[in-house]
């Protein structure tokens, strides 16, 4: 199990990024959360098996069809053992 924090920048708010991220996380068995940031980015904390997290990270670099991801930054963080994946506000 690994945990990462992802910051996604570009046109990522107002394009169903958070909802799509939750759907993708649930499909992959990823636990954590996603939220919009005041600077227009999206912040995600995700944890799961290495292969699941790698696939999720790759999806985040593209996002839903209406998004235009310019950049993602990823850092490894300590595990939090989230019970599920949720949209945080």
PDB file of N, CA and C in Angstrom:
ATOM      1  N   UNK A   1       0.848  -1.191   0.000  1.00  0.00           N
ATOM      2  CA  UNK A   1       0.000   0.000   0.000  1.00  0.00           C
ATOM      3  C   UNK A   1       0.885   1.243   0.000  1.00  0.00           C
ATOM      4  N   UNK A   2       0.480   2.204  -0.811  1.00  0.00           N
ATOM      5  CA  UNK A   2       1.153   3.494  -0.828  1.00  0.00           C
ATOM      6  C   UNK A   2       0.108   4.598  -0.810  1.00  0.00           C
ATOM      7  N   UNK A   3       0.539   5.779  -0.424  1.00  0.00           N
ATOM      8  CA  UNK A   3      -0.335   6.947  -0.414  1.00  0.00           C
ATOM      9  C   UNK A   3       0.388   8.091  -1.110  1.00  0.00           C
ATOM     10  N   UNK A   4      -0.375   8.853  -1.895  1.00  0.00           N
ATOM     11  CA  UNK A   4       0.191   9.997  -2.601  1.00  0.00           C
ATOM     12  C   UNK A   4      -0.744  11.195  -2.495  1.00  0.00           C
ATOM     13  N   UNK A   5      -0.148  12.364  -2.640  1.00  0.00           N
ATOM     14  CA  UNK A   5      -0.916  13.607  -2.764  1.00  0.00           C
ATOM     15  C   UNK A   5      -0.668  14.113  -4.184  1.00  0.00           C
ATOM     16  N   UNK A   6      -1.741  14.423  -4.891  1.00  0.00           N
ATOM     17  CA  UNK A   6      -1.655  14.894  -6.276  1.00  0.00           C
ATOM     18  C   UNK A   6      -2.272  16.283  -6.354  1.00  0.00           C
ATOM     19  N   UNK A   7      -1.545  17.206  -6.958  1.00  0.00           N
ATOM     20  CA  UNK A   7      -2.103  18.523  -7.258  1.00  0.00           C
ATOM     21  C   UNK A   7      -2.233  18.616  -8.771  1.00  0.00           C
ATOM     22  N   UNK A   8      -3.450  18.881  -9.235  1.00  0.00           N
ATOM     23  CA  UNK A   8      -3.737  18.933 -10.666  1.00  0.00           C
ATOM     24  C   UNK A   8      -4.057  20.381 -11.030  1.00  0.00           C
ATOM     25  N   UNK A   9      -3.341  20.919 -12.015  1.00  0.00           N
ATOM     26  CA  UNK A   9      -3.577  22.289 -12.457  1.00  0.00           C
ATOM     27  C   UNK A   9      -3.983  22.304 -13.922  1.00  0.00           C
ATOM     28  N   UNK A  10      -4.629  23.385 -14.304  1.00  0.00           N
ATOM     29  CA  UNK A  10      -5.157  23.548 -15.654  1.00  0.00           C
ATOM     30  C   UNK A  10      -6.627  23.913 -15.551  1.00  0.00           C
ATOM     31  N   UNK A  11      -7.396  23.567 -16.583  1.00  0.00           N
ATOM     32  CA  UNK A  11      -8.849  23.771 -16.511  1.00  0.00           C
ATOM     33  C   UNK A  11      -9.441  22.523 -15.868  1.00  0.00           C
ATOM     34  N   UNK A  12      -9.489  22.547 -14.534  1.00  0.00           N
ATOM     35  CA  UNK A  12      -9.885  21.355 -13.781  1.00  0.00           C
ATOM     36  C   UNK A  12     -11.029  21.616 -12.794  1.00  0.00           C
ATOM     37  N   UNK A  13     -11.510  22.835 -12.742  1.00  0.00           N
ATOM     38  CA  UNK A  13     -12.687  23.128 -11.923  1.00  0.00           C
ATOM     39  C   UNK A  13     -13.833  23.496 -12.858  1.00  0.00           C
ATOM     40  N   UNK A  14     -15.059  23.062 -12.483  1.00  0.00           N
ATOM     41  CA  UNK A  14     -16.225  23.337 -13.309  1.00  0.00           C
ATOM     42  C   UNK A  14     -16.346  22.395 -14.499  1.00  0.00           C
ATOM     43  N   UNK A  15     -15.598  21.284 -14.468  1.00  0.00           N
ATOM     44  CA  UNK A  15     -15.625  20.315 -15.576  1.00  0.00           C
ATOM     45  C   UNK A  15     -15.882  18.888 -15.056  1.00  0.00           C
ATOM     46  N   UNK A  16     -16.488  18.794 -13.875  1.00  0.00           N
ATOM     47  CA  UNK A  16     -16.805  17.506 -13.242  1.00  0.00           C
ATOM     48  C   UNK A  16     -15.564  16.691 -12.894  1.00  0.00           C
ATOM     49  N   UNK A  17     -14.456  17.383 -12.623  1.00  0.00           N
ATOM     50  CA  UNK A  17     -13.213  16.677 -12.292  1.00  0.00           C
ATOM     51  C   UNK A  17     -13.358  15.892 -10.996  1.00  0.00           C
ATOM     52  N   UNK A  18     -13.932  16.517  -9.969  1.00  0.00           N
ATOM     53  CA  UNK A  18     -14.046  15.820  -8.681  1.00  0.00           C
ATOM     54  C   UNK A  18     -14.957  14.597  -8.772  1.00  0.00           C
ATOM     55  N   UNK A  19     -16.097  14.745  -9.424  1.00  0.00           N
ATOM     56  CA  UNK A  19     -17.033  13.625  -9.561  1.00  0.00           C
ATOM     57  C   UNK A  19     -16.393  12.496 -10.365  1.00  0.00           C
ATOM     58  N   UNK A  20     -15.738  12.847 -11.458  1.00  0.00           N
ATOM     59  CA  UNK A  20     -15.075  11.845 -12.292  1.00  0.00           C
ATOM     60  C   UNK A  20     -13.928  11.172 -11.539  1.00  0.00           C
ATOM     61  N   UNK A  21     -13.217  11.944 -10.720  1.00  0.00           N
ATOM     62  CA  UNK A  21     -12.121  11.390  -9.929  1.00  0.00           C
ATOM     63  C   UNK A  21     -12.648  10.372  -8.931  1.00  0.00           C
ATOM     64  N   UNK A  22     -13.762  10.691  -8.281  1.00  0.00           N
ATOM     65  CA  UNK A  22     -14.359   9.735  -7.340  1.00  0.00           C
ATOM     66  C   UNK A  22     -14.793   8.470  -8.057  1.00  0.00           C
ATOM     67  N   UNK A  23     -15.417   8.611  -9.214  1.00  0.00           N
ATOM     68  CA  UNK A  23     -15.851   7.433  -9.969  1.00  0.00           C
ATOM     69  C   UNK A  23     -14.660   6.551 -10.340  1.00  0.00           C
ATOM     70  N   UNK A  24     -13.568   7.183 -10.786  1.00  0.00           N
ATOM     71  CA  UNK A  24     -12.374   6.422 -11.175  1.00  0.00           C
ATOM     72  C   UNK A  24     -11.741   5.757  -9.955  1.00  0.00           C
ATOM     73  N   UNK A  25     -11.661   6.499  -8.849  1.00  0.00           N
ATOM     74  CA  UNK A  25     -11.093   5.943  -7.622  1.00  0.00           C
ATOM     75  C   UNK A  25     -11.907   4.742  -7.144  1.00  0.00           C
ATOM     76  N   UNK A  26     -13.228   4.883  -7.145  1.00  0.00           N
ATOM     77  CA  UNK A  26     -14.086   3.776  -6.714  1.00  0.00           C
ATOM     78  C   UNK A  26     -13.892   2.555  -7.612  1.00  0.00           C
ATOM     79  N   UNK A  27     -13.779   2.777  -8.915  1.00  0.00           N
ATOM     80  CA  UNK A  27     -13.595   1.665  -9.857  1.00  0.00           C
ATOM     81  C   UNK A  27     -12.267   0.942  -9.622  1.00  0.00           C
ATOM     82  N   UNK A  28     -11.248   1.689  -9.202  1.00  0.00           N
ATOM     83  CA  UNK A  28      -9.917   1.107  -8.988  1.00  0.00           C
ATOM     84  C   UNK A  28      -9.691   0.608  -7.553  1.00  0.00           C
ATOM     85  N   UNK A  29     -10.615   0.918  -6.649  1.00  0.00           N
ATOM     86  CA  UNK A  29     -10.426   0.532  -5.252  1.00  0.00           C
ATOM     87  C   UNK A  29      -9.515   1.467  -4.484  1.00  0.00           C
ATOM     88  N   UNK A  30      -9.396   2.703  -4.958  1.00  0.00           N
ATOM     89  CA  UNK A  30      -8.573   3.723  -4.300  1.00  0.00           C
ATOM     90  C   UNK A  30      -9.371   4.361  -3.164  1.00  0.00           C
ATOM     91  N   UNK A  31      -8.707   4.642  -2.068  1.00  0.00           N
ATOM     92  CA  UNK A  31      -9.316   5.327  -0.921  1.00  0.00           C
ATOM     93  C   UNK A  31      -8.680   6.711  -0.798  1.00  0.00           C
ATOM     94  N   UNK A  32      -9.444   7.685  -0.261  1.00  0.00           N
ATOM     95  CA  UNK A  32      -8.905   9.023  -0.060  1.00  0.00           C
ATOM     96  C   UNK A  32      -9.949  10.091  -0.288  1.00  0.00           C
ATOM     97  N   UNK A  33      -9.524  11.214  -0.881  1.00  0.00           N
ATOM     98  CA  UNK A  33     -10.441  12.324  -1.110  1.00  0.00           C
ATOM     99  C   UNK A  33      -9.929  13.215  -2.241  1.00  0.00           C
ATOM    100  N   UNK A  34     -10.839  14.067  -2.745  1.00  0.00           N
ATOM    101  CA  UNK A  34     -10.528  15.048  -3.777  1.00  0.00           C
ATOM    102  C   UNK A  34     -11.252  16.339  -3.419  1.00  0.00           C
ATOM    103  N   UNK A  35     -10.602  17.483  -3.649  1.00  0.00           N
ATOM    104  CA  UNK A  35     -11.265  18.760  -3.387  1.00  0.00           C
ATOM    105  C   UNK A  35     -10.699  19.852  -4.283  1.00  0.00           C
ATOM    106  N   UNK A  36     -11.531  20.871  -4.525  1.00  0.00           N
ATOM    107  CA  UNK A  36     -11.097  22.062  -5.243  1.00  0.00           C
ATOM    108  C   UNK A  36     -10.297  22.954  -4.308  1.00  0.00           C
ATOM    109  N   UNK A  37      -9.276  23.593  -4.853  1.00  0.00           N
ATOM    110  CA  UNK A  37      -8.478  24.543  -4.097  1.00  0.00           C
ATOM    111  C   UNK A  37      -8.811  25.961  -4.559  1.00  0.00           C
ATOM    112  N   UNK A  38      -8.550  26.940  -3.715  1.00  0.00           N
ATOM    113  CA  UNK A  38      -8.851  28.335  -4.034  1.00  0.00           C
ATOM    114  C   UNK A  38      -8.066  28.850  -5.239  1.00  0.00           C
ATOM    115  N   UNK A  39      -6.894  28.261  -5.517  1.00  0.00           N
ATOM    116  CA  UNK A  39      -6.076  28.725  -6.646  1.00  0.00           C
ATOM    117  C   UNK A  39      -6.527  28.150  -7.989  1.00  0.00           C
ATOM    118  N   UNK A  40      -7.643  27.396  -8.008  1.00  0.00           N
ATOM    119  CA  UNK A  40      -8.168  26.826  -9.246  1.00  0.00           C
ATOM    120  C   UNK A  40      -7.694  25.412  -9.526  1.00  0.00           C
ATOM    121  N   UNK A  41      -6.841  24.883  -8.669  1.00  0.00           N
ATOM    122  CA  UNK A  41      -6.348  23.515  -8.856  1.00  0.00           C
ATOM    123  C   UNK A  41      -7.267  22.530  -8.136  1.00  0.00           C
ATOM    124  N   UNK A  42      -6.978  21.255  -8.316  1.00  0.00           N
ATOM    125  CA  UNK A  42      -7.662  20.183  -7.601  1.00  0.00           C
ATOM    126  C   UNK A  42      -6.605  19.422  -6.803  1.00  0.00           C
ATOM    127  N   UNK A  43      -6.898  19.155  -5.544  1.00  0.00           N
ATOM    128  CA  UNK A  43      -5.986  18.428  -4.670  1.00  0.00           C
ATOM    129  C   UNK A  43      -6.591  17.070  -4.344  1.00  0.00           C
ATOM    130  N   UNK A  44      -5.755  16.038  -4.400  1.00  0.00           N
ATOM    131  CA  UNK A  44      -6.215  14.669  -4.184  1.00  0.00           C
ATOM    132  C   UNK A  44      -5.251  13.963  -3.231  1.00  0.00           C
ATOM    133  N   UNK A  45      -5.796  13.220  -2.292  1.00  0.00           N
ATOM    134  CA  UNK A  45      -4.999  12.268  -1.532  1.00  0.00           C
ATOM    135  C   UNK A  45      -5.569  10.904  -1.851  1.00  0.00           C
ATOM    136  N   UNK A  46      -4.683   9.989  -2.249  1.00  0.00           N
ATOM    137  CA  UNK A  46      -5.120   8.674  -2.701  1.00  0.00           C
ATOM    138  C   UNK A  46      -4.201   7.607  -2.131  1.00  0.00           C
ATOM    139  N   UNK A  47      -4.795   6.492  -1.731  1.00  0.00           N
ATOM    140  CA  UNK A  47      -3.988   5.375  -1.260  1.00  0.00           C
ATOM    141  C   UNK A  47      -4.578   4.062  -1.741  1.00  0.00           C
ATOM    142  N   UNK A  48      -3.684   3.122  -1.964  1.00  0.00           N
ATOM    143  CA  UNK A  48      -4.088   1.805  -2.446  1.00  0.00           C
ATOM    144  C   UNK A  48      -2.860   1.002  -2.801  1.00  0.00           C
ATOM    145  N   UNK A  49      -3.072  -0.088  -3.501  1.00  0.00           N
ATOM    146  CA  UNK A  49      -1.957  -0.912  -3.970  1.00  0.00           C
ATOM    147  C   UNK A  49      -1.184  -0.135  -5.026  1.00  0.00           C
ATOM    148  N   UNK A  50       0.089  -0.428  -5.155  1.00  0.00           N
ATOM    149  CA  UNK A  50       0.969   0.325  -6.054  1.00  0.00           C
ATOM    150  C   UNK A  50       0.417   0.386  -7.471  1.00  0.00           C
ATOM    151  N   UNK A  51      -0.023  -0.762  -8.020  1.00  0.00           N
ATOM    152  CA  UNK A  51      -0.526  -0.756  -9.396  1.00  0.00           C
ATOM    153  C   UNK A  51      -1.810   0.052  -9.534  1.00  0.00           C
ATOM    154  N   UNK A  52      -2.681  -0.004  -8.520  1.00  0.00           N
ATOM    155  CA  UNK A  52      -3.913   0.795  -8.540  1.00  0.00           C
ATOM    156  C   UNK A  52      -3.586   2.282  -8.511  1.00  0.00           C
ATOM    157  N   UNK A  53      -2.688   2.667  -7.626  1.00  0.00           N
ATOM    158  CA  UNK A  53      -2.316   4.074  -7.480  1.00  0.00           C
ATOM    159  C   UNK A  53      -1.635   4.581  -8.753  1.00  0.00           C
ATOM    160  N   UNK A  54      -0.791   3.766  -9.351  1.00  0.00           N
ATOM    161  CA  UNK A  54      -0.138   4.178 -10.599  1.00  0.00           C
ATOM    162  C   UNK A  54      -1.144   4.395 -11.719  1.00  0.00           C
ATOM    163  N   UNK A  55      -2.129   3.514 -11.836  1.00  0.00           N
ATOM    164  CA  UNK A  55      -3.168   3.687 -12.853  1.00  0.00           C
ATOM    165  C   UNK A  55      -4.005   4.935 -12.565  1.00  0.00           C
ATOM    166  N   UNK A  56      -4.317   5.159 -11.299  1.00  0.00           N
ATOM    167  CA  UNK A  56      -5.090   6.338 -10.902  1.00  0.00           C
ATOM    168  C   UNK A  56      -4.313   7.615 -11.211  1.00  0.00           C
ATOM    169  N   UNK A  57      -3.037   7.613 -10.896  1.00  0.00           N
ATOM    170  CA  UNK A  57      -2.186   8.777 -11.158  1.00  0.00           C
ATOM    171  C   UNK A  57      -2.153   9.080 -12.663  1.00  0.00           C
ATOM    172  N   UNK A  58      -2.057   8.047 -13.466  1.00  0.00           N
ATOM    173  CA  UNK A  58      -2.058   8.241 -14.921  1.00  0.00           C
ATOM    174  C   UNK A  58      -3.379   8.845 -15.379  1.00  0.00           C
ATOM    175  N   UNK A  59      -4.506   8.367 -14.828  1.00  0.00           N
ATOM    176  CA  UNK A  59      -5.806   8.931 -15.183  1.00  0.00           C
ATOM    177  C   UNK A  59      -5.871  10.411 -14.787  1.00  0.00           C
ATOM    178  N   UNK A  60      -5.344  10.751 -13.619  1.00  0.00           N
ATOM    179  CA  UNK A  60      -5.376  12.142 -13.146  1.00  0.00           C
ATOM    180  C   UNK A  60      -4.610  13.079 -14.076  1.00  0.00           C
ATOM    181  N   UNK A  61      -3.621  12.563 -14.779  1.00  0.00           N
ATOM    182  CA  UNK A  61      -2.857  13.420 -15.695  1.00  0.00           C
ATOM    183  C   UNK A  61      -3.649  13.756 -16.950  1.00  0.00           C
ATOM    184  N   UNK A  62      -4.777  13.082 -17.148  1.00  0.00           N
ATOM    185  CA  UNK A  62      -5.657  13.347 -18.288  1.00  0.00           C
ATOM    186  C   UNK A  62      -6.986  13.925 -17.814  1.00  0.00           C
ATOM    187  N   UNK A  63      -7.601  13.278 -16.823  1.00  0.00           N
ATOM    188  CA  UNK A  63      -8.868  13.724 -16.265  1.00  0.00           C
ATOM    189  C   UNK A  63     -10.045  13.437 -17.184  1.00  0.00           C
ATOM    190  N   UNK A  64     -11.216  13.977 -16.828  1.00  0.00           N
ATOM    191  CA  UNK A  64     -12.396  13.779 -17.667  1.00  0.00           C
ATOM    192  C   UNK A  64     -12.267  14.551 -18.983  1.00  0.00           C
ATOM    193  N   UNK A  65     -13.140  14.239 -19.931  1.00  0.00           N
ATOM    194  CA  UNK A  65     -13.007  14.794 -21.282  1.00  0.00           C
ATOM    195  C   UNK A  65     -13.088  16.320 -21.335  1.00  0.00           C
ATOM    196  N   UNK A  66     -13.836  16.946 -20.438  1.00  0.00           N
ATOM    197  CA  UNK A  66     -13.973  18.411 -20.466  1.00  0.00           C
ATOM    198  C   UNK A  66     -12.787  19.137 -19.826  1.00  0.00           C
ATOM    199  N   UNK A  67     -11.942  18.405 -19.125  1.00  0.00           N
ATOM    200  CA  UNK A  67     -10.794  19.022 -18.445  1.00  0.00           C
ATOM    201  C   UNK A  67      -9.638  19.243 -19.414  1.00  0.00           C
ATOM    202  N   UNK A  68      -8.774  20.180 -19.051  1.00  0.00           N
ATOM    203  CA  UNK A  68      -7.522  20.379 -19.768  1.00  0.00           C
ATOM    204  C   UNK A  68      -6.418  20.425 -18.709  1.00  0.00           C
ATOM    205  N   UNK A  69      -5.869  19.269 -18.409  1.00  0.00           N
ATOM    206  CA  UNK A  69      -4.824  19.159 -17.383  1.00  0.00           C
ATOM    207  C   UNK A  69      -3.522  19.702 -17.964  1.00  0.00           C
ATOM    208  N   UNK A  70      -2.953  20.683 -17.272  1.00  0.00           N
ATOM    209  CA  UNK A  70      -1.670  21.237 -17.694  1.00  0.00           C
ATOM    210  C   UNK A  70      -0.513  20.553 -16.980  1.00  0.00           C
ATOM    211  N   UNK A  71      -0.741  20.192 -15.712  1.00  0.00           N
ATOM    212  CA  UNK A  71       0.361  19.635 -14.931  1.00  0.00           C
ATOM    213  C   UNK A  71      -0.195  18.916 -13.707  1.00  0.00           C
ATOM    214  N   UNK A  72       0.506  17.857 -13.309  1.00  0.00           N
ATOM    215  CA  UNK A  72       0.235  17.252 -12.004  1.00  0.00           C
ATOM    216  C   UNK A  72       1.552  17.156 -11.250  1.00  0.00           C
ATOM    217  N   UNK A  73       1.467  17.389  -9.954  1.00  0.00           N
ATOM    218  CA  UNK A  73       2.619  17.159  -9.090  1.00  0.00           C
ATOM    219  C   UNK A  73       2.209  16.067  -8.108  1.00  0.00           C
ATOM    220  N   UNK A  74       3.132  15.172  -7.840  1.00  0.00           N
ATOM    221  CA  UNK A  74       2.841  14.006  -7.008  1.00  0.00           C
ATOM    222  C   UNK A  74       3.902  13.894  -5.930  1.00  0.00           C
ATOM    223  N   UNK A  75       3.452  13.662  -4.713  1.00  0.00           N
ATOM    224  CA  UNK A  75       4.387  13.392  -3.626  1.00  0.00           C
ATOM    225  C   UNK A  75       3.863  12.223  -2.805  1.00  0.00           C
ATOM    226  N   UNK A  76       4.774  11.397  -2.348  1.00  0.00           N
ATOM    227  CA  UNK A  76       4.381  10.289  -1.487  1.00  0.00           C
ATOM    228  C   UNK A  76       4.154  10.820  -0.079  1.00  0.00           C
ATOM    229  N   UNK A  77       3.106  10.328   0.572  1.00  0.00           N
ATOM    230  CA  UNK A  77       2.735  10.767   1.916  1.00  0.00           C
ATOM    231  C   UNK A  77       2.480   9.534   2.784  1.00  0.00           C
ATOM    232  N   UNK A  78       2.413   9.710   4.117  1.00  0.00           N
ATOM    233  CA  UNK A  78       2.104   8.573   4.991  1.00  0.00           C
ATOM    234  C   UNK A  78       0.672   8.067   4.756  1.00  0.00           C
ATOM    235  N   UNK A  79       0.460   6.784   4.961  1.00  0.00           N
ATOM    236  CA  UNK A  79      -0.870   6.197   4.848  1.00  0.00           C
ATOM    237  C   UNK A  79      -1.802   6.757   5.920  1.00  0.00           C
ATOM    238  N   UNK A  80      -3.041   7.020   5.523  1.00  0.00           N
ATOM    239  CA  UNK A  80      -4.057   7.478   6.468  1.00  0.00           C
ATOM    240  C   UNK A  80      -5.136   6.438   6.716  1.00  0.00           C
ATOM    241  N   UNK A  81      -5.147   5.382   5.908  1.00  0.00           N
ATOM    242  CA  UNK A  81      -6.145   4.303   6.024  1.00  0.00           C
ATOM    243  C   UNK A  81      -7.566   4.843   5.928  1.00  0.00           C
ATOM    244  N   UNK A  82      -7.843   5.588   4.852  1.00  0.00           N
ATOM    245  CA  UNK A  82      -9.185   6.114   4.600  1.00  0.00           C
ATOM    246  C   UNK A  82     -10.165   4.957   4.403  1.00  0.00           C
ATOM    247  N   UNK A  83     -11.409   5.105   4.874  1.00  0.00           N
ATOM    248  CA  UNK A  83     -12.391   4.024   4.706  1.00  0.00           C
ATOM    249  C   UNK A  83     -12.951   3.943   3.289  1.00  0.00           C
ATOM    250  N   UNK A  84     -12.936   5.064   2.556  1.00  0.00           N
ATOM    251  CA  UNK A  84     -13.481   5.114   1.211  1.00  0.00           C
ATOM    252  C   UNK A  84     -12.906   6.318   0.488  1.00  0.00           C
ATOM    253  N   UNK A  85     -13.464   6.662  -0.667  1.00  0.00           N
ATOM    254  CA  UNK A  85     -13.025   7.845  -1.407  1.00  0.00           C
ATOM    255  C   UNK A  85     -14.180   8.831  -1.415  1.00  0.00           C
ATOM    256  N   UNK A  86     -13.897  10.078  -1.054  1.00  0.00           N
ATOM    257  CA  UNK A  86     -14.980  11.048  -0.973  1.00  0.00           C
ATOM    258  C   UNK A  86     -14.583  12.378  -1.600  1.00  0.00           C
ATOM    259  N   UNK A  87     -15.608  13.139  -1.933  1.00  0.00           N
ATOM    260  CA  UNK A  87     -15.413  14.506  -2.412  1.00  0.00           C
ATOM    261  C   UNK A  87     -15.452  15.399  -1.178  1.00  0.00           C
ATOM    262  N   UNK A  88     -14.352  16.078  -0.921  1.00  0.00           N
ATOM    263  CA  UNK A  88     -14.260  16.969   0.248  1.00  0.00           C
ATOM    264  C   UNK A  88     -14.601  18.389  -0.174  1.00  0.00           C
ATOM    265  N   UNK A  89     -15.120  19.163   0.768  1.00  0.00           N
ATOM    266  CA  UNK A  89     -15.489  20.557   0.478  1.00  0.00           C
ATOM    267  C   UNK A  89     -14.786  21.495   1.419  1.00  0.00           C
TER     268      UNK A  89
END
